[in-house]
N, C-alpha and C. Protein backbone atom coordinates (compact mmCIF):
# COMPACT_ATOMS: atom_id res chain seq x y z
N MET A 1 133.49 34.97 -149.76
CA MET A 1 134.18 36.23 -149.55
C MET A 1 134.86 36.62 -150.85
N PRO A 2 134.52 37.80 -151.38
CA PRO A 2 135.11 38.23 -152.63
C PRO A 2 136.62 38.50 -152.50
N ILE A 3 137.33 38.27 -153.58
CA ILE A 3 138.75 38.59 -153.65
C ILE A 3 138.91 39.71 -154.65
N VAL A 4 139.69 40.73 -154.29
CA VAL A 4 139.94 41.86 -155.19
C VAL A 4 141.42 41.89 -155.55
N THR A 5 141.74 42.56 -156.65
CA THR A 5 143.11 42.68 -157.12
C THR A 5 143.56 44.13 -156.97
N VAL A 6 144.78 44.30 -156.51
CA VAL A 6 145.36 45.64 -156.41
C VAL A 6 145.96 45.97 -157.78
N SER A 7 145.53 47.10 -158.35
CA SER A 7 146.01 47.49 -159.68
C SER A 7 147.44 48.04 -159.59
N PRO A 8 148.09 48.24 -160.74
CA PRO A 8 149.43 48.83 -160.72
C PRO A 8 149.47 50.21 -160.08
N LYS A 9 148.30 50.89 -160.03
CA LYS A 9 148.21 52.20 -159.37
C LYS A 9 147.75 52.06 -157.92
N TYR A 10 147.77 50.84 -157.39
CA TYR A 10 147.36 50.54 -156.01
C TYR A 10 145.89 50.85 -155.77
N GLN A 11 145.05 50.63 -156.76
CA GLN A 11 143.61 50.83 -156.63
C GLN A 11 142.93 49.47 -156.51
N VAL A 12 141.79 49.46 -155.82
CA VAL A 12 140.97 48.25 -155.72
C VAL A 12 139.52 48.63 -156.02
N VAL A 13 138.76 47.67 -156.48
CA VAL A 13 137.33 47.86 -156.71
C VAL A 13 136.59 47.15 -155.58
N ILE A 14 135.73 47.89 -154.90
CA ILE A 14 134.93 47.29 -153.82
C ILE A 14 133.78 46.54 -154.49
N PRO A 15 133.63 45.25 -154.20
CA PRO A 15 132.58 44.45 -154.85
C PRO A 15 131.18 45.04 -154.64
N ARG A 16 130.33 44.86 -155.63
CA ARG A 16 128.98 45.43 -155.63
C ARG A 16 128.21 45.09 -154.36
N GLU A 17 128.21 43.84 -153.94
CA GLU A 17 127.41 43.45 -152.77
C GLU A 17 127.86 44.19 -151.51
N ILE A 18 129.14 44.48 -151.41
CA ILE A 18 129.66 45.23 -150.25
C ILE A 18 129.27 46.69 -150.38
N ARG A 19 129.43 47.27 -151.56
CA ARG A 19 129.03 48.67 -151.79
C ARG A 19 127.57 48.88 -151.46
N GLU A 20 126.73 47.96 -151.94
CA GLU A 20 125.30 48.09 -151.71
C GLU A 20 124.94 47.92 -150.24
N SER A 21 125.55 46.95 -149.57
CA SER A 21 125.21 46.72 -148.15
C SER A 21 125.64 47.88 -147.27
N LEU A 22 126.71 48.59 -147.67
CA LEU A 22 127.18 49.75 -146.89
C LEU A 22 126.57 51.06 -147.38
N GLY A 23 125.86 51.01 -148.48
CA GLY A 23 125.25 52.22 -149.03
C GLY A 23 126.27 53.19 -149.59
N LEU A 24 127.38 52.68 -150.12
CA LEU A 24 128.42 53.54 -150.68
C LEU A 24 127.98 54.09 -152.03
N GLU A 25 128.32 55.36 -152.27
CA GLU A 25 127.99 56.03 -153.51
C GLU A 25 129.29 56.48 -154.20
N PRO A 26 129.27 56.62 -155.53
CA PRO A 26 130.46 57.11 -156.22
C PRO A 26 130.88 58.47 -155.67
N GLY A 27 132.17 58.62 -155.45
CA GLY A 27 132.70 59.88 -154.94
C GLY A 27 132.68 59.99 -153.42
N GLN A 28 132.03 59.05 -152.74
CA GLN A 28 131.98 59.09 -151.29
C GLN A 28 133.36 58.80 -150.71
N LYS A 29 133.69 59.43 -149.62
CA LYS A 29 134.99 59.24 -148.98
C LYS A 29 134.93 58.07 -148.00
N VAL A 30 136.04 57.33 -147.94
CA VAL A 30 136.22 56.28 -146.94
C VAL A 30 137.57 56.50 -146.28
N GLN A 31 137.64 56.16 -145.02
CA GLN A 31 138.91 56.26 -144.29
C GLN A 31 139.61 54.91 -144.41
N ALA A 32 140.88 54.93 -144.80
CA ALA A 32 141.65 53.70 -144.95
C ALA A 32 142.73 53.67 -143.89
N PHE A 33 142.87 52.53 -143.22
CA PHE A 33 143.93 52.39 -142.24
C PHE A 33 144.36 50.94 -142.12
N GLU A 34 145.56 50.76 -141.62
CA GLU A 34 146.11 49.42 -141.39
C GLU A 34 145.80 49.02 -139.96
N TYR A 35 145.30 47.80 -139.78
CA TYR A 35 144.96 47.30 -138.45
C TYR A 35 145.30 45.82 -138.39
N GLU A 36 146.22 45.49 -137.52
CA GLU A 36 146.62 44.09 -137.29
C GLU A 36 146.92 43.36 -138.60
N GLY A 37 147.69 44.01 -139.47
CA GLY A 37 148.14 43.35 -140.69
C GLY A 37 147.13 43.33 -141.82
N ARG A 38 146.09 44.13 -141.73
CA ARG A 38 145.11 44.17 -142.81
C ARG A 38 144.72 45.62 -143.08
N VAL A 39 144.13 45.86 -144.24
CA VAL A 39 143.65 47.19 -144.61
C VAL A 39 142.15 47.23 -144.35
N GLU A 40 141.70 48.28 -143.67
CA GLU A 40 140.27 48.44 -143.41
C GLU A 40 139.81 49.77 -143.98
N PHE A 41 138.63 49.77 -144.57
CA PHE A 41 138.01 50.98 -145.11
C PHE A 41 136.75 51.24 -144.30
N VAL A 42 136.63 52.46 -143.79
CA VAL A 42 135.46 52.85 -143.00
C VAL A 42 134.80 54.03 -143.69
N PRO A 43 133.51 53.90 -144.05
CA PRO A 43 132.84 55.02 -144.70
C PRO A 43 132.84 56.26 -143.81
N VAL A 44 133.14 57.41 -144.41
CA VAL A 44 133.09 58.69 -143.70
C VAL A 44 131.67 59.21 -143.87
N ARG A 45 131.00 59.43 -142.76
CA ARG A 45 129.62 59.91 -142.80
C ARG A 45 129.58 61.35 -142.30
N LYS A 46 128.71 62.15 -142.87
CA LYS A 46 128.51 63.50 -142.38
C LYS A 46 127.85 63.42 -141.01
N ALA A 47 128.21 64.33 -140.12
CA ALA A 47 127.66 64.33 -138.77
C ALA A 47 126.13 64.39 -138.81
N LYS A 48 125.58 65.11 -139.76
CA LYS A 48 124.13 65.24 -139.86
C LYS A 48 123.47 63.89 -140.12
N SER A 49 124.13 63.00 -140.86
CA SER A 49 123.55 61.70 -141.16
C SER A 49 123.54 60.78 -139.94
N LEU A 50 124.31 61.12 -138.91
CA LEU A 50 124.37 60.29 -137.71
C LEU A 50 123.30 60.68 -136.69
N ARG A 51 122.57 61.74 -136.96
CA ARG A 51 121.55 62.21 -136.04
C ARG A 51 120.54 61.11 -135.75
N GLY A 52 120.33 60.85 -134.44
CA GLY A 52 119.35 59.87 -134.02
C GLY A 52 119.82 58.42 -134.04
N PHE A 53 121.12 58.18 -134.32
CA PHE A 53 121.59 56.80 -134.43
C PHE A 53 121.51 56.05 -133.09
N ALA A 54 121.46 56.78 -131.98
CA ALA A 54 121.40 56.14 -130.66
C ALA A 54 119.98 56.15 -130.09
N ARG A 55 119.01 56.44 -130.91
CA ARG A 55 117.62 56.48 -130.47
C ARG A 55 117.25 55.14 -129.82
N GLY A 56 116.62 55.24 -128.66
CA GLY A 56 116.17 54.05 -127.96
C GLY A 56 117.19 53.47 -126.99
N ILE A 57 118.38 54.07 -126.90
CA ILE A 57 119.41 53.58 -126.01
C ILE A 57 119.00 53.84 -124.56
N ASP A 58 119.33 52.93 -123.66
CA ASP A 58 119.00 53.07 -122.24
C ASP A 58 119.95 54.08 -121.60
N THR A 59 119.42 55.21 -121.16
CA THR A 59 120.24 56.26 -120.56
C THR A 59 120.13 56.27 -119.05
N THR A 60 119.54 55.22 -118.46
CA THR A 60 119.36 55.19 -117.01
C THR A 60 120.51 54.50 -116.29
N VAL A 61 121.61 54.28 -116.98
CA VAL A 61 122.75 53.61 -116.35
C VAL A 61 123.40 54.54 -115.33
N GLU A 62 124.00 53.95 -114.30
CA GLU A 62 124.69 54.74 -113.29
C GLU A 62 125.96 55.32 -113.90
N ARG A 63 126.20 56.61 -113.65
CA ARG A 63 127.35 57.27 -114.22
C ARG A 63 128.28 57.78 -113.12
N GLU A 64 129.55 57.92 -113.46
CA GLU A 64 130.49 58.50 -112.51
C GLU A 64 130.20 59.98 -112.35
N ARG A 65 130.52 60.51 -111.18
CA ARG A 65 130.35 61.96 -110.96
C ARG A 65 131.38 62.68 -111.80
N ASP A 66 131.01 63.82 -112.31
CA ASP A 66 131.94 64.63 -113.10
C ASP A 66 133.11 65.04 -112.23
N ARG A 67 134.28 65.07 -112.81
CA ARG A 67 135.48 65.51 -112.08
C ARG A 67 135.69 66.98 -112.40
N ALA A 68 135.85 67.78 -111.36
CA ALA A 68 136.01 69.22 -111.57
C ALA A 68 137.47 69.60 -111.66
């Protein structure tokens, strides 16, 4: 597990293997938040890039009736 250093300007460098595995590009936005005592970065994806991500999902599950 790579270790990063926080710079005096509170910046960090995301290690190459992590950038490549997540497909991060220079200038891409990530959402940063604190969760259970740690900092997490989540890539912000355009809605268009998410098209078809649920392809093949089983939609035959029983659902609750809509509430009017």
